[in-house]
């Protein structure tokens, strides 16, 4: 399920002239939201990089950005956020 589909299933979209656009929590981008869900599923950064076909450096950057935007300091806190917001 794509991030947009997950948010749509939870009724979290906004309509603009161009159609429905997803609203991601805490200002996350679509890719950061996707990485957040994978972190919450227990995947390592290497596994995320492999599944998304992106570099490990890019995954690390996304994880750092997620931590900053959620104002948390650990993967455990990211998982807790995802569970509390029904994003898993």
Foldseek 3Di string as FASTA:
>chain_A
DFPVVLQVVVVAWDQDPVGTDGDDPLPQDSVLLVLLLVLLVVDDLVRVCVVVVHDSVVSVVSVVVVCVSVVHDDSVVSNVVCVVVVND
